[in-house]
Amino acid sequence: MPGTITLEAEVTNISKHCFWLLLGNEELAVSFNDFPWFKNATVEQLTDIQWPSADHLYWPKLDIDLSVQSIRNPAAFPLVSKT
């Protein structure tokens, strides 16, 4: 039976505009403008992060799932439907 893949994600800095997320060797800025549901989160909520697969992040204390691609390219994942 294969083991569980565990990837480590870490919040490295938090400012009033964004928080920085380290995924392996890549550091990404998660803007509160692009991801407003994080804006009022506590440090404890932001830093409790799981990275179960290469393109999936999960914040259990906030019940938020995100694609890593949506952080890399938020314009490709609009928050409002165009219909």
PDB file of N, CA and C in Angstrom:
ATOM      1  N   MET A   1       0.844  -1.179   0.000  1.00  0.00           N
ATOM      2  CA  MET A   1       0.000   0.000   0.000  1.00  0.00           C
ATOM      3  C   MET A   1       0.889   1.243   0.000  1.00  0.00           C
ATOM      4  N   PRO A   2       0.706   2.129  -0.967  1.00  0.00           N
ATOM      5  CA  PRO A   2       1.554   3.317  -1.021  1.00  0.00           C
ATOM      6  C   PRO A   2       1.273   4.255   0.141  1.00  0.00           C
ATOM      7  N   GLY A   3       2.292   5.026   0.516  1.00  0.00           N
ATOM      8  CA  GLY A   3       2.139   5.983   1.605  1.00  0.00           C
ATOM      9  C   GLY A   3       1.401   7.232   1.151  1.00  0.00           C
ATOM     10  N   THR A   4       1.067   8.064   2.106  1.00  0.00           N
ATOM     11  CA  THR A   4       0.387   9.321   1.829  1.00  0.00           C
ATOM     12  C   THR A   4       1.414  10.376   1.439  1.00  0.00           C
ATOM     13  N   ILE A   5       1.130  11.095   0.374  1.00  0.00           N
ATOM     14  CA  ILE A   5       2.005  12.187  -0.029  1.00  0.00           C
ATOM     15  C   ILE A   5       1.755  13.359   0.913  1.00  0.00           C
ATOM     16  N   THR A   6       2.828  13.868   1.486  1.00  0.00           N
ATOM     17  CA  THR A   6       2.686  15.041   2.339  1.00  0.00           C
ATOM     18  C   THR A   6       3.606  16.125   1.815  1.00  0.00           C
ATOM     19  N   LEU A   7       3.025  17.236   1.481  1.00  0.00           N
ATOM     20  CA  LEU A   7       3.766  18.383   1.015  1.00  0.00           C
ATOM     21  C   LEU A   7       3.669  19.448   2.093  1.00  0.00           C
ATOM     22  N   GLU A   8       4.733  20.241   2.257  1.00  0.00           N
ATOM     23  CA  GLU A   8       4.715  21.259   3.298  1.00  0.00           C
ATOM     24  C   GLU A   8       4.477  22.633   2.702  1.00  0.00           C
ATOM     25  N   ALA A   9       3.506  23.320   3.252  1.00  0.00           N
ATOM     26  CA  ALA A   9       3.211  24.700   2.904  1.00  0.00           C
ATOM     27  C   ALA A   9       3.394  25.527   4.164  1.00  0.00           C
ATOM     28  N   GLU A  10       3.908  26.739   4.005  1.00  0.00           N
ATOM     29  CA  GLU A  10       4.174  27.580   5.167  1.00  0.00           C
ATOM     30  C   GLU A  10       3.845  29.033   4.832  1.00  0.00           C
ATOM     31  N   VAL A  11       3.173  29.708   5.746  1.00  0.00           N
ATOM     32  CA  VAL A  11       2.968  31.147   5.631  1.00  0.00           C
ATOM     33  C   VAL A  11       4.218  31.803   6.212  1.00  0.00           C
ATOM     34  N   THR A  12       4.909  32.611   5.385  1.00  0.00           N
ATOM     35  CA  THR A  12       6.184  33.197   5.821  1.00  0.00           C
ATOM     36  C   THR A  12       6.068  34.647   6.264  1.00  0.00           C
ATOM     37  N   ASN A  13       5.002  35.333   5.837  1.00  0.00           N
ATOM     38  CA  ASN A  13       4.838  36.734   6.210  1.00  0.00           C
ATOM     39  C   ASN A  13       3.391  37.133   5.988  1.00  0.00           C
ATOM     40  N   ILE A  14       2.922  38.072   6.793  1.00  0.00           N
ATOM     41  CA  ILE A  14       1.567  38.592   6.649  1.00  0.00           C
ATOM     42  C   ILE A  14       1.653  40.115   6.705  1.00  0.00           C
ATOM     43  N   SER A  15       1.057  40.789   5.728  1.00  0.00           N
ATOM     44  CA  SER A  15       0.990  42.251   5.726  1.00  0.00           C
ATOM     45  C   SER A  15      -0.471  42.669   5.623  1.00  0.00           C
ATOM     46  N   LYS A  16      -0.726  43.965   5.547  1.00  0.00           N
ATOM     47  CA  LYS A  16      -2.109  44.415   5.414  1.00  0.00           C
ATOM     48  C   LYS A  16      -2.644  44.213   3.997  1.00  0.00           C
ATOM     49  N   HIS A  17      -1.763  43.876   3.043  1.00  0.00           N
ATOM     50  CA  HIS A  17      -2.165  43.686   1.652  1.00  0.00           C
ATOM     51  C   HIS A  17      -2.240  42.227   1.216  1.00  0.00           C
ATOM     52  N   CYS A  18      -1.467  41.364   1.864  1.00  0.00           N
ATOM     53  CA  CYS A  18      -1.374  39.970   1.417  1.00  0.00           C
ATOM     54  C   CYS A  18      -0.692  39.120   2.485  1.00  0.00           C
ATOM     55  N   PHE A  19      -0.628  37.838   2.215  1.00  0.00           N
ATOM     56  CA  PHE A  19       0.262  36.987   2.991  1.00  0.00           C
ATOM     57  C   PHE A  19       1.099  36.184   1.998  1.00  0.00           C
ATOM     58  N   TRP A  20       2.292  35.824   2.442  1.00  0.00           N
ATOM     59  CA  TRP A  20       3.232  35.094   1.598  1.00  0.00           C
ATOM     60  C   TRP A  20       3.207  33.623   1.977  1.00  0.00           C
ATOM     61  N   LEU A  21       3.126  32.801   0.938  1.00  0.00           N
ATOM     62  CA  LEU A  21       2.983  31.369   1.105  1.00  0.00           C
ATOM     63  C   LEU A  21       4.166  30.667   0.447  1.00  0.00           C
ATOM     64  N   LEU A  22       4.895  29.866   1.211  1.00  0.00           N
ATOM     65  CA  LEU A  22       6.012  29.091   0.693  1.00  0.00           C
ATOM     66  C   LEU A  22       5.543  27.679   0.405  1.00  0.00           C
ATOM     67  N   LEU A  23       5.624  27.304  -0.872  1.00  0.00           N
ATOM     68  CA  LEU A  23       5.248  25.957  -1.331  1.00  0.00           C
ATOM     69  C   LEU A  23       6.497  25.321  -1.923  1.00  0.00           C
ATOM     70  N   GLY A  24       7.157  24.496  -1.147  1.00  0.00           N
ATOM     71  CA  GLY A  24       8.427  23.929  -1.608  1.00  0.00           C
ATOM     72  C   GLY A  24       9.438  25.044  -1.794  1.00  0.00           C
ATOM     73  N   ASN A  25       9.912  25.231  -3.027  1.00  0.00           N
ATOM     74  CA  ASN A  25      10.880  26.284  -3.339  1.00  0.00           C
ATOM     75  C   ASN A  25      10.231  27.526  -3.932  1.00  0.00           C
ATOM     76  N   GLU A  26       8.917  27.554  -4.012  1.00  0.00           N
ATOM     77  CA  GLU A  26       8.200  28.669  -4.627  1.00  0.00           C
ATOM     78  C   GLU A  26       7.482  29.488  -3.555  1.00  0.00           C
ATOM     79  N   GLU A  27       7.662  30.805  -3.595  1.00  0.00           N
ATOM     80  CA  GLU A  27       6.949  31.678  -2.668  1.00  0.00           C
ATOM     81  C   GLU A  27       5.942  32.514  -3.454  1.00  0.00           C
ATOM     82  N   LEU A  28       4.705  32.504  -2.983  1.00  0.00           N
ATOM     83  CA  LEU A  28       3.616  33.199  -3.668  1.00  0.00           C
ATOM     84  C   LEU A  28       2.968  34.203  -2.724  1.00  0.00           C
ATOM     85  N   ALA A  29       2.584  35.359  -3.278  1.00  0.00           N
ATOM     86  CA  ALA A  29       1.829  36.349  -2.523  1.00  0.00           C
ATOM     87  C   ALA A  29       0.341  36.077  -2.742  1.00  0.00           C
ATOM     88  N   VAL A  30      -0.403  35.979  -1.665  1.00  0.00           N
ATOM     89  CA  VAL A  30      -1.855  35.765  -1.725  1.00  0.00           C
ATOM     90  C   VAL A  30      -2.497  37.098  -1.346  1.00  0.00           C
ATOM     91  N   SER A  31      -2.936  37.829  -2.350  1.00  0.00           N
ATOM     92  CA  SER A  31      -3.491  39.169  -2.163  1.00  0.00           C
ATOM     93  C   SER A  31      -4.877  39.113  -1.528  1.00  0.00           C
ATOM     94  N   PHE A  32      -5.110  39.992  -0.555  1.00  0.00           N
ATOM     95  CA  PHE A  32      -6.440  40.063   0.053  1.00  0.00           C
ATOM     96  C   PHE A  32      -7.463  40.645  -0.918  1.00  0.00           C
ATOM     97  N   ASN A  33      -7.023  41.409  -1.909  1.00  0.00           N
ATOM     98  CA  ASN A  33      -7.945  41.900  -2.941  1.00  0.00           C
ATOM     99  C   ASN A  33      -8.440  40.754  -3.811  1.00  0.00           C
ATOM    100  N   ASP A  34      -7.544  39.830  -4.162  1.00  0.00           N
ATOM    101  CA  ASP A  34      -7.916  38.695  -5.008  1.00  0.00           C
ATOM    102  C   ASP A  34      -8.598  37.581  -4.211  1.00  0.00           C
ATOM    103  N   PHE A  35      -8.275  37.471  -2.930  1.00  0.00           N
ATOM    104  CA  PHE A  35      -8.804  36.410  -2.071  1.00  0.00           C
ATOM    105  C   PHE A  35      -9.341  37.039  -0.784  1.00  0.00           C
ATOM    106  N   PRO A  36     -10.472  37.761  -0.886  1.00  0.00           N
ATOM    107  CA  PRO A  36     -10.959  38.564   0.242  1.00  0.00           C
ATOM    108  C   PRO A  36     -11.363  37.768   1.477  1.00  0.00           C
ATOM    109  N   TRP A  37     -11.668  36.502   1.345  1.00  0.00           N
ATOM    110  CA  TRP A  37     -12.092  35.705   2.509  1.00  0.00           C
ATOM    111  C   TRP A  37     -10.966  35.488   3.508  1.00  0.00           C
ATOM    112  N   PHE A  38      -9.706  35.806   3.128  1.00  0.00           N
ATOM    113  CA  PHE A  38      -8.586  35.696   4.063  1.00  0.00           C
ATOM    114  C   PHE A  38      -8.346  36.987   4.851  1.00  0.00           C
ATOM    115  N   LYS A  39      -8.913  38.097   4.403  1.00  0.00           N
ATOM    116  CA  LYS A  39      -8.582  39.414   4.954  1.00  0.00           C
ATOM    117  C   LYS A  39      -8.784  39.513   6.470  1.00  0.00           C
ATOM    118  N   ASN A  40      -9.836  38.963   7.006  1.00  0.00           N
ATOM    119  CA  ASN A  40     -10.105  39.067   8.441  1.00  0.00           C
ATOM    120  C   ASN A  40      -9.724  37.808   9.221  1.00  0.00           C
ATOM    121  N   ALA A  41      -8.994  36.927   8.584  1.00  0.00           N
ATOM    122  CA  ALA A  41      -8.563  35.697   9.251  1.00  0.00           C
ATOM    123  C   ALA A  41      -7.485  36.007  10.285  1.00  0.00           C
ATOM    124  N   THR A  42      -7.453  35.206  11.329  1.00  0.00           N
ATOM    125  CA  THR A  42      -6.405  35.348  12.344  1.00  0.00           C
ATOM    126  C   THR A  42      -5.114  34.697  11.839  1.00  0.00           C
ATOM    127  N   VAL A  43      -4.029  35.006  12.511  1.00  0.00           N
ATOM    128  CA  VAL A  43      -2.756  34.372  12.182  1.00  0.00           C
ATOM    129  C   VAL A  43      -2.881  32.858  12.331  1.00  0.00           C
ATOM    130  N   GLU A  44      -3.529  32.419  13.384  1.00  0.00           N
ATOM    131  CA  GLU A  44      -3.714  30.982  13.606  1.00  0.00           C
ATOM    132  C   GLU A  44      -4.484  30.336  12.450  1.00  0.00           C
ATOM    133  N   GLN A  45      -5.521  31.006  11.972  1.00  0.00           N
ATOM    134  CA  GLN A  45      -6.305  30.459  10.861  1.00  0.00           C
ATOM    135  C   GLN A  45      -5.499  30.429   9.560  1.00  0.00           C
ATOM    136  N   LEU A  46      -4.735  31.485   9.294  1.00  0.00           N
ATOM    137  CA  LEU A  46      -3.936  31.535   8.060  1.00  0.00           C
ATOM    138  C   LEU A  46      -2.817  30.503   8.046  1.00  0.00           C
ATOM    139  N   THR A  47      -2.205  30.297   9.190  1.00  0.00           N
ATOM    140  CA  THR A  47      -1.035  29.411   9.234  1.00  0.00           C
ATOM    141  C   THR A  47      -1.375  27.938   9.371  1.00  0.00           C
ATOM    142  N   ASP A  48      -2.634  27.633   9.621  1.00  0.00           N
ATOM    143  CA  ASP A  48      -3.065  26.232   9.656  1.00  0.00           C
ATOM    144  C   ASP A  48      -3.461  25.840   8.235  1.00  0.00           C
ATOM    145  N   ILE A  49      -2.477  25.385   7.478  1.00  0.00           N
ATOM    146  CA  ILE A  49      -2.669  25.109   6.057  1.00  0.00           C
ATOM    147  C   ILE A  49      -2.217  23.692   5.728  1.00  0.00           C
ATOM    148  N   GLN A  50      -2.959  23.050   4.864  1.00  0.00           N
ATOM    149  CA  GLN A  50      -2.606  21.709   4.389  1.00  0.00           C
ATOM    150  C   GLN A  50      -2.398  21.777   2.875  1.00  0.00           C
ATOM    151  N   TRP A  51      -1.466  20.987   2.401  1.00  0.00           N
ATOM    152  CA  TRP A  51      -1.144  20.917   0.969  1.00  0.00           C
ATOM    153  C   TRP A  51      -1.221  19.449   0.550  1.00  0.00           C
ATOM    154  N   PRO A  52      -2.436  18.924   0.381  1.00  0.00           N
ATOM    155  CA  PRO A  52      -2.608  17.493   0.147  1.00  0.00           C
ATOM    156  C   PRO A  52      -2.151  17.010  -1.224  1.00  0.00           C
ATOM    157  N   SER A  53      -2.137  17.894  -2.219  1.00  0.00           N
ATOM    158  CA  SER A  53      -1.641  17.500  -3.545  1.00  0.00           C
ATOM    159  C   SER A  53      -1.044  18.725  -4.220  1.00  0.00           C
ATOM    160  N   ALA A  54      -0.355  18.520  -5.317  1.00  0.00           N
ATOM    161  CA  ALA A  54       0.411  19.590  -5.955  1.00  0.00           C
ATOM    162  C   ALA A  54      -0.400  20.844  -6.263  1.00  0.00           C
ATOM    163  N   ASP A  55      -1.683  20.709  -6.603  1.00  0.00           N
ATOM    164  CA  ASP A  55      -2.483  21.877  -6.961  1.00  0.00           C
ATOM    165  C   ASP A  55      -3.624  22.156  -5.983  1.00  0.00           C
ATOM    166  N   HIS A  56      -3.559  21.605  -4.784  1.00  0.00           N
ATOM    167  CA  HIS A  56      -4.659  21.762  -3.831  1.00  0.00           C
ATOM    168  C   HIS A  56      -4.142  22.220  -2.479  1.00  0.00           C
ATOM    169  N   LEU A  57      -4.680  23.342  -2.005  1.00  0.00           N
ATOM    170  CA  LEU A  57      -4.387  23.857  -0.669  1.00  0.00           C
ATOM    171  C   LEU A  57      -5.682  23.898   0.125  1.00  0.00           C
ATOM    172  N   TYR A  58      -5.567  23.664   1.437  1.00  0.00           N
ATOM    173  CA  TYR A  58      -6.762  23.653   2.283  1.00  0.00           C
ATOM    174  C   TYR A  58      -6.445  24.299   3.626  1.00  0.00           C
ATOM    175  N   TRP A  59      -7.295  25.239   4.032  1.00  0.00           N
ATOM    176  CA  TRP A  59      -7.241  25.881   5.340  1.00  0.00           C
ATOM    177  C   TRP A  59      -8.409  25.350   6.159  1.00  0.00           C
ATOM    178  N   PRO A  60      -8.193  24.343   7.014  1.00  0.00           N
ATOM    179  CA  PRO A  60      -9.300  23.710   7.732  1.00  0.00           C
ATOM    180  C   PRO A  60     -10.038  24.642   8.694  1.00  0.00           C
ATOM    181  N   LYS A  61      -9.348  25.569   9.340  1.00  0.00           N
ATOM    182  CA  LYS A  61     -10.026  26.459  10.292  1.00  0.00           C
ATOM    183  C   LYS A  61     -10.885  27.500   9.597  1.00  0.00           C
ATOM    184  N   LEU A  62     -10.662  27.687   8.291  1.00  0.00           N
ATOM    185  CA  LEU A  62     -11.470  28.617   7.497  1.00  0.00           C
ATOM    186  C   LEU A  62     -12.382  27.877   6.515  1.00  0.00           C
ATOM    187  N   ASP A  63     -12.190  26.576   6.373  1.00  0.00           N
ATOM    188  CA  ASP A  63     -12.902  25.745   5.404  1.00  0.00           C
ATOM    189  C   ASP A  63     -12.780  26.325   3.990  1.00  0.00           C
ATOM    190  N   ILE A  64     -11.527  26.628   3.607  1.00  0.00           N
ATOM    191  CA  ILE A  64     -11.227  27.186   2.282  1.00  0.00           C
ATOM    192  C   ILE A  64     -10.324  26.218   1.539  1.00  0.00           C
ATOM    193  N   ASP A  65     -10.737  25.879   0.322  1.00  0.00           N
ATOM    194  CA  ASP A  65      -9.927  25.089  -0.607  1.00  0.00           C
ATOM    195  C   ASP A  65      -9.537  26.004  -1.756  1.00  0.00           C
ATOM    196  N   LEU A  66      -8.284  25.931  -2.184  1.00  0.00           N
ATOM    197  CA  LEU A  66      -7.831  26.721  -3.329  1.00  0.00           C
ATOM    198  C   LEU A  66      -6.937  25.888  -4.222  1.00  0.00           C
ATOM    199  N   SER A  67      -7.014  26.184  -5.492  1.00  0.00           N
ATOM    200  CA  SER A  67      -6.059  25.656  -6.452  1.00  0.00           C
ATOM    201  C   SER A  67      -4.806  26.536  -6.394  1.00  0.00           C
ATOM    202  N   VAL A  68      -3.642  25.921  -6.411  1.00  0.00           N
ATOM    203  CA  VAL A  68      -2.391  26.690  -6.452  1.00  0.00           C
ATOM    204  C   VAL A  68      -2.373  27.556  -7.707  1.00  0.00           C
ATOM    205  N   GLN A  69      -2.924  27.049  -8.788  1.00  0.00           N
ATOM    206  CA  GLN A  69      -2.974  27.824 -10.038  1.00  0.00           C
ATOM    207  C   GLN A  69      -3.760  29.113  -9.861  1.00  0.00           C
ATOM    208  N   SER A  70      -4.783  29.114  -9.013  1.00  0.00           N
ATOM    209  CA  SER A  70      -5.569  30.332  -8.805  1.00  0.00           C
ATOM    210  C   SER A  70      -4.753  31.406  -8.085  1.00  0.00           C
ATOM    211  N   ILE A  71      -3.771  31.011  -7.302  1.00  0.00           N
ATOM    212  CA  ILE A  71      -2.882  31.976  -6.648  1.00  0.00           C
ATOM    213  C   ILE A  71      -1.853  32.483  -7.644  1.00  0.00           C
ATOM    214  N   ARG A  72      -1.327  31.587  -8.457  1.00  0.00           N
ATOM    215  CA  ARG A  72      -0.353  31.998  -9.474  1.00  0.00           C
ATOM    216  C   ARG A  72      -0.967  32.937 -10.510  1.00  0.00           C
ATOM    217  N   ASN A  73      -2.231  32.710 -10.851  1.00  0.00           N
ATOM    218  CA  ASN A  73      -2.893  33.482 -11.899  1.00  0.00           C
ATOM    219  C   ASN A  73      -4.340  33.782 -11.513  1.00  0.00           C
ATOM    220  N   PRO A  74      -4.549  34.698 -10.563  1.00  0.00           N
ATOM    221  CA  PRO A  74      -5.915  34.951 -10.092  1.00  0.00           C
ATOM    222  C   PRO A  74      -6.857  35.482 -11.176  1.00  0.00           C
ATOM    223  N   ALA A  75      -6.341  36.144 -12.182  1.00  0.00           N
ATOM    224  CA  ALA A  75      -7.197  36.672 -13.258  1.00  0.00           C
ATOM    225  C   ALA A  75      -7.889  35.551 -14.025  1.00  0.00           C
ATOM    226  N   ALA A  76      -7.301  34.375 -14.049  1.00  0.00           N
ATOM    227  CA  ALA A  76      -7.896  33.240 -14.751  1.00  0.00           C
ATOM    228  C   ALA A  76      -9.022  32.577 -13.940  1.00  0.00           C
ATOM    229  N   PHE A  77      -9.171  33.007 -12.681  1.00  0.00           N
ATOM    230  CA  PHE A  77     -10.173  32.436 -11.783  1.00  0.00           C
ATOM    231  C   PHE A  77     -10.991  33.565 -11.169  1.00  0.00           C
ATOM    232  N   PRO A  78     -11.836  34.231 -11.942  1.00  0.00           N
ATOM    233  CA  PRO A  78     -12.584  35.388 -11.408  1.00  0.00           C
ATOM    234  C   PRO A  78     -13.537  34.979 -10.289  1.00  0.00           C
ATOM    235  N   LEU A  79     -13.728  35.891  -9.347  1.00  0.00           N
ATOM    236  CA  LEU A  79     -14.616  35.635  -8.221  1.00  0.00           C
ATOM    237  C   LEU A  79     -16.079  35.807  -8.588  1.00  0.00           C
ATOM    238  N   VAL A  80     -16.349  36.506  -9.694  1.00  0.00           N
ATOM    239  CA  VAL A  80     -17.719  36.798 -10.117  1.00  0.00           C
ATOM    240  C   VAL A  80     -17.960  36.183 -11.473  1.00  0.00           C
ATOM    241  N   SER A  81     -19.062  35.501 -11.606  1.00  0.00           N
ATOM    242  CA  SER A  81     -19.420  34.884 -12.878  1.00  0.00           C
ATOM    243  C   SER A  81     -19.697  35.940 -13.934  1.00  0.00           C
ATOM    244  N   LYS A  82     -19.331  35.670 -15.167  1.00  0.00           N
ATOM    245  CA  LYS A  82     -19.587  36.606 -16.266  1.00  0.00           C
ATOM    246  C   LYS A  82     -20.945  36.391 -16.916  1.00  0.00           C
ATOM    247  N   THR A  83     -21.721  35.418 -16.455  1.00  0.00           N
ATOM    248  CA  THR A  83     -23.040  35.170 -17.043  1.00  0.00           C
ATOM    249  C   THR A  83     -24.085  36.074 -16.457  1.00  0.00           C
TER     250      THR A  83
END
